[in-house]
Protein backbone atom coordinates (compact mmCIF):
# COMPACT_ATOMS: atom_id res chain seq x y z
CA UNK A 1 52.59 -4.91 29.42
CA UNK A 2 49.65 -3.40 30.74
CA UNK A 3 49.16 -5.46 33.83
CA UNK A 4 53.00 -4.61 34.77
CA UNK A 5 52.26 -0.91 34.23
CA UNK A 6 49.04 -1.19 36.21
CA UNK A 7 50.86 -3.36 38.85
CA UNK A 8 53.90 -0.67 39.12
CA UNK A 9 51.31 2.18 39.26
CA UNK A 10 49.50 0.14 42.34
CA UNK A 11 52.75 -0.46 44.19
CA UNK A 12 53.84 3.22 43.31
CA UNK A 13 50.62 4.31 44.95
CA UNK A 14 50.79 2.13 47.95
CA UNK A 15 54.51 3.08 48.51
CA UNK A 16 53.32 6.75 48.64
CA UNK A 17 50.35 5.81 51.07
CA UNK A 18 53.01 3.68 53.21
CA UNK A 19 55.26 6.98 53.51
CA UNK A 20 52.98 9.12 55.09
CA UNK A 21 52.10 6.27 57.74
CA UNK A 22 53.89 6.36 61.18
CA UNK A 23 56.72 4.00 60.12
CA UNK A 24 57.45 3.06 64.00
CA UNK A 25 55.14 0.46 63.45
CA UNK A 26 57.45 -2.79 62.57
CA UNK A 27 54.87 -4.23 60.42
CA UNK A 28 54.46 -1.20 58.43
CA UNK A 29 58.00 -1.44 57.74
CA UNK A 30 58.08 -4.96 56.63
CA UNK A 31 55.12 -4.67 54.27
CA UNK A 32 57.27 -1.73 52.60
CA UNK A 33 60.63 -3.73 52.40
CA UNK A 34 58.06 -6.49 50.70
CA UNK A 35 56.41 -4.00 48.53
CA UNK A 36 59.89 -2.40 47.53
CA UNK A 37 61.28 -5.90 46.91
CA UNK A 38 57.78 -6.60 44.64
CA UNK A 39 58.29 -3.51 42.55
CA UNK A 40 61.87 -4.39 42.10
CA UNK A 41 60.93 -7.54 41.04
CA UNK A 42 58.17 -6.19 38.73
CA UNK A 43 60.79 -3.58 37.29
CA UNK A 44 63.41 -6.72 36.25
CA UNK A 45 60.49 -8.53 34.70
CA UNK A 46 59.19 -5.52 32.88
CA UNK A 47 62.82 -4.97 31.29
CA UNK A 48 62.80 -9.05 30.40
CA UNK A 49 59.67 -8.60 28.91
CA UNK A 50 60.83 -5.19 26.89
CA UNK A 51 63.78 -7.19 25.55
CA UNK A 52 61.78 -10.32 24.48
CA UNK A 53 59.29 -7.83 22.80
CA UNK A 54 62.08 -6.32 20.77
CA UNK A 55 63.60 -9.81 19.78
CA UNK A 56 60.25 -10.60 18.46
CA UNK A 57 59.88 -7.27 16.51
CA UNK A 58 63.23 -7.86 14.81
CA UNK A 59 62.63 -11.28 14.16
CA UNK A 60 59.00 -10.64 12.40
CA UNK A 61 60.82 -7.83 10.48
CA UNK A 62 63.34 -10.38 9.22
CA UNK A 63 60.67 -12.71 8.42
CA UNK A 64 59.05 -10.43 6.44
CA UNK A 65 62.08 -9.73 4.63
CA UNK A 66 62.30 -13.36 3.85
CA UNK A 67 58.86 -14.10 2.65
CA UNK A 68 59.00 -10.74 0.38
CA UNK A 69 61.60 -12.09 -1.19
CA UNK A 70 60.27 -15.75 -1.44
CA UNK A 71 57.50 -13.56 -2.90
CA UNK A 72 59.85 -11.77 -5.74
CA UNK A 73 61.55 -14.95 -6.50
CA UNK A 74 58.19 -16.56 -7.14
CA UNK A 75 56.95 -14.19 -9.31
CA UNK A 76 59.91 -13.90 -11.59
CA UNK A 77 59.87 -17.69 -12.01
CA UNK A 78 56.37 -17.17 -13.13
CA UNK A 79 57.23 -14.49 -15.81
CA UNK A 80 60.20 -17.04 -16.55
CA UNK A 81 58.27 -20.01 -17.02
CA UNK A 82 55.69 -17.94 -18.94
CA UNK A 83 58.24 -16.52 -21.62
CA UNK A 84 59.53 -20.09 -21.99
CA UNK A 85 55.92 -21.10 -22.68
CA UNK A 86 55.50 -18.64 -25.36
CA UNK A 87 58.92 -19.57 -26.79
CA UNK A 88 57.78 -23.32 -27.13
CA UNK A 89 54.59 -21.71 -28.53
CA UNK A 90 56.65 -19.80 -31.39
CA UNK A 91 58.98 -22.85 -31.96
CA UNK A 92 55.76 -25.05 -32.33
CA UNK A 93 54.37 -22.61 -35.05
CA UNK A 94 57.50 -22.26 -36.50
CA UNK A 95 58.02 -26.16 -36.84
CA UNK A 96 54.56 -26.53 -38.32
CA UNK A 97 55.07 -23.74 -40.87
CA UNK A 98 58.44 -25.61 -41.73
CA UNK A 99 56.63 -28.84 -41.83
CA UNK A 100 54.34 -27.48 -44.28
CA UNK A 101 57.02 -26.21 -46.43
CA UNK A 102 58.66 -29.39 -46.49
CA UNK A 103 54.83 -30.82 -47.30
CA UNK A 104 54.70 -28.10 -50.28
CA UNK A 105 58.24 -29.08 -51.52
CA UNK A 106 57.25 -33.04 -51.66
CA UNK A 107 54.15 -32.65 -53.68
């Protein structure tokens, strides 16, 4: 972006200098036309680059939100797995307790 701005400044500066020159010289008039068309082309390129930049910013924001959602889902899944493991441990303990009770009753 900076190079485009620098080119635009240089072209504007050159155009200002050319305006102060004697315009009766046909070569100078051709140079002015060339510089003007180059300036127009650079302005078009600048607009295109700005549009692409905006699209990239939007895409970045969208991807950041998706990544955050995925990370939140992963945390939730890990929490659910931890709770599930705790419940399995509790059931195992209860099973062990019940088996001990059964053993006591069988003796």
